[in-house]
Protein backbone atom coordinates (compact mmCIF):
# COMPACT_ATOMS: atom_id res chain seq x y z
CA MET A 1 -16.47 23.53 4.49
CA LYS A 2 -13.28 23.76 2.49
CA THR A 3 -13.20 21.54 -0.59
CA VAL A 4 -10.59 20.45 -3.10
CA ALA A 5 -12.99 20.08 -5.86
CA ASP A 6 -11.44 20.16 -9.40
CA THR A 7 -8.09 19.37 -7.85
CA SER A 8 -7.20 15.90 -8.92
CA LEU A 9 -5.21 13.76 -6.45
CA ILE A 10 -3.78 11.64 -9.28
CA PHE A 11 -0.15 12.37 -9.49
CA THR A 12 1.80 11.93 -12.84
CA PRO A 13 5.57 11.55 -12.27
CA VAL A 14 7.79 13.99 -14.30
CA SER A 15 10.19 11.07 -14.86
CA TYR A 16 9.74 7.40 -14.57
CA VAL A 17 13.46 6.52 -14.34
CA GLU A 18 14.49 8.84 -11.41
CA PRO A 19 13.33 8.53 -7.86
CA LEU A 20 10.45 10.76 -6.89
CA LYS A 21 10.78 13.77 -4.60
CA LEU A 22 8.04 12.73 -2.25
CA ASP A 23 8.03 16.08 -0.53
CA SER A 24 6.96 17.65 -3.70
CA MET A 25 3.83 15.63 -3.86
CA PHE A 26 2.21 16.91 -0.82
CA PRO A 27 1.48 20.22 0.82
CA GLN A 28 2.80 19.12 4.21
CA HIS A 29 6.21 17.40 5.00
CA GLN A 30 5.28 14.51 7.21
CA PRO A 31 5.62 10.63 7.32
CA VAL A 32 4.61 8.75 4.08
CA GLU A 33 2.79 5.50 3.79
CA LEU A 34 2.17 3.43 0.70
CA GLU A 35 -0.87 1.27 -0.23
CA ILE A 36 0.01 -1.14 -3.18
CA GLY A 37 -3.30 -1.98 -5.12
CA CYS A 38 -5.62 0.46 -3.46
CA GLY A 39 -8.57 -0.71 -5.55
CA ASP A 40 -11.44 1.79 -5.32
CA GLY A 41 -9.99 3.07 -1.90
CA GLY A 42 -12.14 1.45 0.76
CA PHE A 43 -9.19 1.20 3.03
CA LEU A 44 -7.05 4.16 2.02
CA ALA A 45 -9.74 6.84 2.11
CA GLN A 46 -10.70 5.84 5.67
CA TYR A 47 -7.24 5.49 6.94
CA ALA A 48 -5.97 8.75 5.42
CA ALA A 49 -8.84 10.64 6.97
CA ARG A 50 -8.15 9.19 10.32
CA HIS A 51 -4.36 10.14 10.08
CA PRO A 52 -3.94 13.61 8.83
CA ASN A 53 -0.56 13.74 10.21
CA HIS A 54 0.71 11.21 7.64
CA ASN A 55 0.78 11.39 3.92
CA PHE A 56 -0.41 8.55 1.73
CA ILE A 57 0.23 7.24 -1.68
CA GLY A 58 -2.05 4.80 -3.34
CA LEU A 59 -1.08 2.68 -6.44
CA GLU A 60 -3.40 1.26 -8.74
CA ARG A 61 -3.39 0.14 -12.48
CA LEU A 62 -7.05 0.22 -13.21
CA LYS A 63 -8.11 3.91 -14.29
CA GLY A 64 -11.65 3.40 -13.24
CA ARG A 65 -10.85 2.55 -9.74
CA LEU A 66 -8.24 5.32 -9.53
CA GLY A 67 -10.90 7.79 -10.72
CA LYS A 68 -13.36 6.69 -8.06
CA LEU A 69 -10.95 7.13 -5.25
CA ASP A 70 -9.81 10.43 -6.60
CA ARG A 71 -13.33 11.90 -6.56
CA ARG A 72 -13.91 10.42 -3.03
CA GLY A 73 -10.64 12.05 -1.92
CA GLN A 74 -11.68 15.36 -3.20
CA ARG A 75 -14.99 15.19 -1.54
CA GLU A 76 -13.34 14.36 1.71
CA CYS A 77 -10.62 17.09 1.25
CA LEU A 78 -7.87 14.47 1.69
CA THR A 79 -4.95 16.74 0.84
CA ASN A 80 -2.65 14.15 2.45
CA LEU A 81 -3.43 11.55 -0.43
CA ARG A 82 -1.94 11.16 -3.72
CA LEU A 83 -2.78 8.45 -6.39
CA VAL A 84 -0.39 7.01 -9.03
CA ARG A 85 -1.35 4.76 -11.97
CA ILE A 86 1.50 2.45 -12.27
CA GLU A 87 2.80 -1.11 -11.93
CA ALA A 88 3.67 -1.72 -8.27
CA ALA A 89 7.01 -3.63 -8.69
CA TYR A 90 8.36 -0.93 -10.95
CA PHE A 91 7.28 1.82 -8.59
CA VAL A 92 8.90 0.25 -5.52
CA LYS A 93 12.08 -0.59 -7.38
CA TYR A 94 12.78 2.41 -9.45
CA LEU A 95 10.77 5.53 -8.22
CA LEU A 96 10.89 5.17 -4.43
CA PRO A 97 13.79 6.84 -2.75
CA PRO A 98 15.77 5.04 -0.29
CA THR A 99 14.41 5.17 3.40
CA SER A 100 11.39 7.25 2.27
CA LEU A 101 8.42 5.29 3.75
CA ALA A 102 7.12 4.80 7.23
CA ALA A 103 4.80 1.87 6.16
CA VAL A 104 3.52 -0.17 3.30
CA HIS A 105 0.08 -1.85 3.11
CA ILE A 106 -0.58 -4.70 0.73
CA TYR A 107 -4.06 -5.91 0.98
CA PHE A 108 -5.73 -8.62 -1.23
CA PRO A 109 -3.37 -8.66 -4.06
CA ASP A 110 -4.11 -10.59 -6.99
CA PRO A 111 -3.40 -14.32 -5.94
CA TRP A 112 -2.93 -15.61 -9.33
CA PRO A 113 -4.23 -19.03 -8.07
CA LYS A 114 -3.14 -21.18 -10.95
CA LYS A 115 0.24 -22.66 -10.21
CA ARG A 116 1.71 -21.73 -13.50
CA HIS A 117 0.92 -18.12 -12.77
CA HIS A 118 2.51 -17.96 -9.34
CA LYS A 119 5.51 -16.30 -10.88
CA ASN A 120 3.15 -13.23 -11.44
CA ARG A 121 2.56 -12.77 -7.83
CA LEU A 122 3.89 -9.51 -6.36
CA VAL A 123 4.98 -10.86 -2.91
CA LYS A 124 7.55 -13.39 -3.38
CA GLY A 125 11.38 -13.91 -2.74
CA GLY A 126 13.30 -10.79 -3.49
CA PHE A 127 10.42 -8.37 -3.00
CA PRO A 128 11.01 -7.82 0.78
CA ASP A 129 14.52 -6.69 -0.05
CA GLU A 130 13.08 -4.09 -2.48
CA LEU A 131 10.63 -2.79 0.31
CA ALA A 132 13.59 -2.93 2.84
CA ARG A 133 15.34 -0.33 0.72
CA ALA A 134 12.55 1.95 0.45
CA LEU A 135 11.41 1.74 4.34
CA GLN A 136 12.82 3.81 7.10
CA PRO A 137 14.50 1.90 9.92
CA GLY A 138 11.62 0.65 12.16
CA GLY A 139 9.08 0.82 9.04
CA ARG A 140 6.39 -1.65 8.90
CA VAL A 141 4.68 -3.69 6.34
CA PHE A 142 1.12 -4.84 6.56
CA LEU A 143 -0.27 -7.80 4.70
CA ARG A 144 -3.87 -9.12 4.22
CA THR A 145 -5.36 -11.68 2.03
CA ASP A 146 -8.15 -14.22 1.81
CA ASP A 147 -5.90 -16.81 -0.15
CA LEU A 148 -4.28 -19.07 2.23
CA ASP A 149 -1.76 -20.39 -0.30
CA TYR A 150 -0.74 -16.88 -1.21
CA PHE A 151 -0.63 -15.92 2.54
CA THR A 152 1.85 -18.91 3.20
CA GLN A 153 4.07 -17.51 0.27
CA MET A 154 3.93 -14.05 1.72
CA ARG A 155 4.89 -15.27 5.16
CA GLU A 156 7.62 -17.30 3.74
CA ALA A 157 9.19 -14.44 1.81
CA PHE A 158 9.09 -12.13 4.75
CA ASP A 159 10.22 -14.69 7.22
CA GLY A 160 13.26 -15.50 5.04
CA ALA A 161 14.12 -11.77 5.01
CA THR A 162 16.55 -11.46 7.91
CA GLN A 163 16.07 -7.68 8.08
CA PHE A 164 12.31 -8.04 8.95
CA LYS A 165 10.85 -9.20 12.12
CA ALA A 166 7.15 -10.46 12.43
CA VAL A 167 5.02 -8.14 14.65
CA GLU A 168 1.13 -7.96 15.50
CA THR A 169 -1.08 -6.05 13.37
CA PRO A 170 -2.57 -3.21 15.55
CA ALA A 171 -6.16 -3.52 16.39
CA GLU A 172 -6.72 -0.04 15.21
CA LEU A 173 -5.56 -1.04 11.74
CA ARG A 174 -7.61 -4.19 11.64
CA ASP A 175 -10.69 -2.28 12.35
CA VAL A 176 -10.33 -0.39 8.96
CA VAL A 177 -11.57 -3.07 6.49
CA THR A 178 -11.35 -2.89 2.75
CA ASP A 179 -14.42 -3.25 0.44
CA PHE A 180 -13.00 -6.63 -0.59
CA GLU A 181 -12.57 -7.75 2.90
CA ARG A 182 -16.16 -6.84 3.85
CA ASP A 183 -17.43 -8.83 0.96
CA PHE A 184 -15.22 -11.84 1.82
CA ASN A 185 -16.09 -11.94 5.45
CA ALA A 186 -19.79 -11.66 4.72
CA GLN A 187 -19.39 -14.97 2.82
CA GLY A 188 -17.71 -16.49 5.75
CA ILE A 189 -14.16 -16.19 4.20
CA PRO A 190 -11.69 -15.10 6.90
CA THR A 191 -8.96 -12.52 6.58
CA ASN A 192 -5.41 -13.55 7.04
CA HIS A 193 -3.30 -10.80 8.63
CA ALA A 194 0.60 -10.50 8.94
CA ALA A 195 2.83 -7.53 9.83
CA TYR A 196 6.64 -7.12 9.84
CA ARG A 197 9.02 -4.51 11.10
CA LEU A 198 12.23 -3.37 9.40
CA ALA A 199 14.95 -3.78 12.01
CA PRO A 200 17.39 -0.71 12.51
CA SER A 201 20.56 -1.45 10.56
């Protein structure tokens, strides 16, 4: 079996102030999807393996988690996967070229449960506009969280963004669960799902 051993999937941008050339990150030119906060890759490794005709970027700030997913991606020959260690809001705003993404996945982001910390949440007013700039027309955003308060805020943010329309999360996507999700569900904590489609301009 062909392997990609010793070939790290972690990508270091040449510049942190200019938009990335996404085509240069992957061996094949194909649609690109982004997962924000990929953790140790419970979702992304599975999904990239099932969809070799798409390229995937995983963002994560924690070095240990990124290294774990890097090693798994190498073992599974996921040449359509690249990983970036960076703060998500900055990456979306400054490094993503316009209309470059087919989909964005945001699963179980830090809920910052204390009210005084809500300002630190990623998905809030203004964030849908940043994603809209980076998405292709018809591109989709998929959301999951176990935190009902944060889920309400997510829905309010996207429902208030007129360029997005609520859609159903495909069953095939729901079937790919994250490690966090599996643990929460085992404790009887349900997953809240939402999905949005960017309307053509």
